[in-house]
Amino acid sequence: MRPCATPGCSKLVKRGKCERCHGKTQSVREERLTACRRGYDRTWQRFRDWFLRRHPLCHDCEGRGDVVPAAEVHHIKKLADHPELRCVESNCMALCKACHSKRTGRGE
């Protein structure tokens, strides 16, 4: 027996996820809005492309003295809480995939 594959769940299972977490994952997927409905539409894509041309390096890596190309745009104030700041340059940060994943994982 091993712990459930869901982070934070300690229920013991033979493999994979426990019944409770497996069902939770399914319902979250069903409830999730499309990217377009969450604000990542054509307007966002144009803004994102413009922003990355203007800010080509990862903000976090650059702060550590590393030169890494930016690949993603991070909202400083969460898009879900502040949709009016979706395409505002001062609310965005250019990051590489790894740094964006770290920030998102921390709930930023």
C-alpha atoms as a PDB file:
ATOM      1  CA  MET A   1       0.000   0.000   0.000  1.00  0.00           C
ATOM      2  CA  ARG A   2       1.112   3.571  -0.715  1.00  0.00           C
ATOM      3  CA  PRO A   3      -0.282   7.090  -0.185  1.00  0.00           C
ATOM      4  CA  CYS A   4      -2.851   8.447  -2.622  1.00  0.00           C
ATOM      5  CA  ALA A   5      -1.271  10.210  -5.637  1.00  0.00           C
ATOM      6  CA  THR A   6      -3.137  13.454  -4.851  1.00  0.00           C
ATOM      7  CA  PRO A   7      -0.771  15.932  -3.126  1.00  0.00           C
ATOM      8  CA  GLY A   8      -1.771  16.351   0.510  1.00  0.00           C
ATOM      9  CA  CYS A   9      -3.886  13.183   0.722  1.00  0.00           C
ATOM     10  CA  SER A  10      -2.439  10.473   2.957  1.00  0.00           C
ATOM     11  CA  LYS A  11      -5.079   7.776   2.438  1.00  0.00           C
ATOM     12  CA  LEU A  12      -3.440   4.452   1.588  1.00  0.00           C
ATOM     13  CA  VAL A  13      -4.261   2.838  -1.761  1.00  0.00           C
ATOM     14  CA  LYS A  14      -2.868   0.025  -3.879  1.00  0.00           C
ATOM     15  CA  ARG A  15      -1.998   2.515  -6.638  1.00  0.00           C
ATOM     16  CA  GLY A  16      -3.119   5.843  -8.078  1.00  0.00           C
ATOM     17  CA  LYS A  17      -5.695   7.940  -6.238  1.00  0.00           C
ATOM     18  CA  CYS A  18      -8.205   7.091  -3.538  1.00  0.00           C
ATOM     19  CA  GLU A  19     -11.910   7.064  -4.447  1.00  0.00           C
ATOM     20  CA  ARG A  20     -12.550  10.455  -2.830  1.00  0.00           C
ATOM     21  CA  CYS A  21      -9.704  12.211  -4.693  1.00  0.00           C
ATOM     22  CA  HIS A  22     -10.441  10.471  -7.985  1.00  0.00           C
ATOM     23  CA  GLY A  23     -14.019  11.736  -7.897  1.00  0.00           C
ATOM     24  CA  LYS A  24     -12.854  15.227  -6.878  1.00  0.00           C
ATOM     25  CA  THR A  25     -10.535  15.423  -9.894  1.00  0.00           C
ATOM     26  CA  GLN A  26     -13.332  14.458 -12.256  1.00  0.00           C
ATOM     27  CA  SER A  27     -15.722  17.107 -10.917  1.00  0.00           C
ATOM     28  CA  VAL A  28     -13.050  19.839 -11.056  1.00  0.00           C
ATOM     29  CA  ARG A  29     -12.370  19.036 -14.708  1.00  0.00           C
ATOM     30  CA  GLU A  30     -16.068  19.139 -15.537  1.00  0.00           C
ATOM     31  CA  GLU A  31     -16.506  22.533 -13.820  1.00  0.00           C
ATOM     32  CA  ARG A  32     -13.418  24.213 -15.302  1.00  0.00           C
ATOM     33  CA  LEU A  33     -14.171  26.901 -17.869  1.00  0.00           C
ATOM     34  CA  THR A  34     -12.485  26.964 -21.256  1.00  0.00           C
ATOM     35  CA  ALA A  35      -9.389  29.138 -21.653  1.00  0.00           C
ATOM     36  CA  CYS A  36     -11.402  31.640 -23.653  1.00  0.00           C
ATOM     37  CA  ARG A  37     -14.092  31.855 -20.946  1.00  0.00           C
ATOM     38  CA  ARG A  38     -11.361  32.428 -18.323  1.00  0.00           C
ATOM     39  CA  GLY A  39     -10.115  35.499 -20.234  1.00  0.00           C
ATOM     40  CA  TYR A  40      -7.459  34.002 -22.494  1.00  0.00           C
ATOM     41  CA  ASP A  41      -9.090  34.952 -25.789  1.00  0.00           C
ATOM     42  CA  ARG A  42      -7.678  36.443 -29.010  1.00  0.00           C
ATOM     43  CA  THR A  43      -7.231  39.851 -27.361  1.00  0.00           C
ATOM     44  CA  TRP A  44      -5.149  38.196 -24.646  1.00  0.00           C
ATOM     45  CA  GLN A  45      -3.059  36.303 -27.223  1.00  0.00           C
ATOM     46  CA  ARG A  46      -2.224  39.564 -29.015  1.00  0.00           C
ATOM     47  CA  PHE A  47      -1.354  41.282 -25.736  1.00  0.00           C
ATOM     48  CA  ARG A  48       0.744  38.284 -24.636  1.00  0.00           C
ATOM     49  CA  ASP A  49       2.717  38.274 -27.904  1.00  0.00           C
ATOM     50  CA  TRP A  50       3.302  42.044 -27.629  1.00  0.00           C
ATOM     51  CA  PHE A  51       4.317  41.758 -23.958  1.00  0.00           C
ATOM     52  CA  LEU A  52       6.831  38.966 -24.589  1.00  0.00           C
ATOM     53  CA  ARG A  53       8.401  40.912 -27.473  1.00  0.00           C
ATOM     54  CA  ARG A  54       8.744  43.898 -25.121  1.00  0.00           C
ATOM     55  CA  HIS A  55       9.989  41.774 -22.171  1.00  0.00           C
ATOM     56  CA  PRO A  56      11.968  38.890 -23.743  1.00  0.00           C
ATOM     57  CA  LEU A  57      13.774  37.676 -20.584  1.00  0.00           C
ATOM     58  CA  CYS A  58      12.479  35.877 -17.502  1.00  0.00           C
ATOM     59  CA  HIS A  59      12.072  38.387 -14.681  1.00  0.00           C
ATOM     60  CA  ASP A  60      12.957  35.923 -11.897  1.00  0.00           C
ATOM     61  CA  CYS A  61      15.981  34.407 -13.657  1.00  0.00           C
ATOM     62  CA  GLU A  62      17.264  37.853 -14.574  1.00  0.00           C
ATOM     63  CA  GLY A  63      17.064  38.823 -10.881  1.00  0.00           C
ATOM     64  CA  ARG A  64      19.414  35.906 -10.107  1.00  0.00           C
ATOM     65  CA  GLY A  65      21.830  36.960 -12.850  1.00  0.00           C
ATOM     66  CA  ASP A  66      20.741  34.295 -15.363  1.00  0.00           C
ATOM     67  CA  VAL A  67      19.702  35.046 -18.938  1.00  0.00           C
ATOM     68  CA  VAL A  68      16.702  32.859 -19.794  1.00  0.00           C
ATOM     69  CA  PRO A  69      14.084  33.635 -22.461  1.00  0.00           C
ATOM     70  CA  ALA A  70      10.587  34.328 -21.177  1.00  0.00           C
ATOM     71  CA  ALA A  71       7.885  32.012 -22.484  1.00  0.00           C
ATOM     72  CA  GLU A  72       4.867  32.875 -20.325  1.00  0.00           C
ATOM     73  CA  VAL A  73       3.131  35.925 -18.881  1.00  0.00           C
ATOM     74  CA  HIS A  74       2.255  35.897 -15.183  1.00  0.00           C
ATOM     75  CA  HIS A  75      -0.476  38.094 -13.708  1.00  0.00           C
ATOM     76  CA  ILE A  76       0.784  39.744 -10.514  1.00  0.00           C
ATOM     77  CA  LYS A  77      -2.766  40.286  -9.280  1.00  0.00           C
ATOM     78  CA  LYS A  78      -4.720  37.138 -10.127  1.00  0.00           C
ATOM     79  CA  LEU A  79      -6.869  37.305 -13.228  1.00  0.00           C
ATOM     80  CA  ALA A  80      -9.771  35.633 -11.390  1.00  0.00           C
ATOM     81  CA  ASP A  81      -9.771  38.426  -8.776  1.00  0.00           C
ATOM     82  CA  HIS A  82      -8.923  41.347 -11.066  1.00  0.00           C
ATOM     83  CA  PRO A  83     -10.222  40.703 -14.605  1.00  0.00           C
ATOM     84  CA  GLU A  84      -9.959  44.417 -15.382  1.00  0.00           C
ATOM     85  CA  LEU A  85      -6.138  44.094 -15.168  1.00  0.00           C
ATOM     86  CA  ARG A  86      -5.977  41.276 -17.715  1.00  0.00           C
ATOM     87  CA  CYS A  87      -4.105  43.253 -20.397  1.00  0.00           C
ATOM     88  CA  VAL A  88      -2.390  45.858 -18.200  1.00  0.00           C
ATOM     89  CA  GLU A  89       1.376  45.821 -18.613  1.00  0.00           C
ATOM     90  CA  SER A  90       2.095  46.827 -15.003  1.00  0.00           C
ATOM     91  CA  ASN A  91       0.143  43.783 -13.736  1.00  0.00           C
ATOM     92  CA  CYS A  92       2.139  41.317 -15.827  1.00  0.00           C
ATOM     93  CA  MET A  93       5.525  39.682 -15.523  1.00  0.00           C
ATOM     94  CA  ALA A  94       7.475  37.777 -18.187  1.00  0.00           C
ATOM     95  CA  LEU A  95       8.663  34.401 -16.887  1.00  0.00           C
ATOM     96  CA  CYS A  96      10.168  31.175 -18.179  1.00  0.00           C
ATOM     97  CA  LYS A  97       8.041  28.031 -17.865  1.00  0.00           C
ATOM     98  CA  ALA A  98       9.856  26.822 -14.719  1.00  0.00           C
ATOM     99  CA  CYS A  99       9.557  30.127 -12.843  1.00  0.00           C
ATOM    100  CA  HIS A 100       5.897  30.518 -13.836  1.00  0.00           C
ATOM    101  CA  SER A 101       5.139  27.010 -12.582  1.00  0.00           C
ATOM    102  CA  LYS A 102       6.867  27.773  -9.257  1.00  0.00           C
ATOM    103  CA  ARG A 103       4.896  30.986  -8.756  1.00  0.00           C
ATOM    104  CA  THR A 104       1.609  29.357  -9.738  1.00  0.00           C
ATOM    105  CA  GLY A 105       2.331  26.425  -7.430  1.00  0.00           C
ATOM    106  CA  ARG A 106       2.795  28.847  -4.536  1.00  0.00           C
ATOM    107  CA  GLY A 107      -0.586  30.388  -5.323  1.00  0.00           C
ATOM    108  CA  GLU A 108       0.759  33.664  -6.658  1.00  0.00           C
END
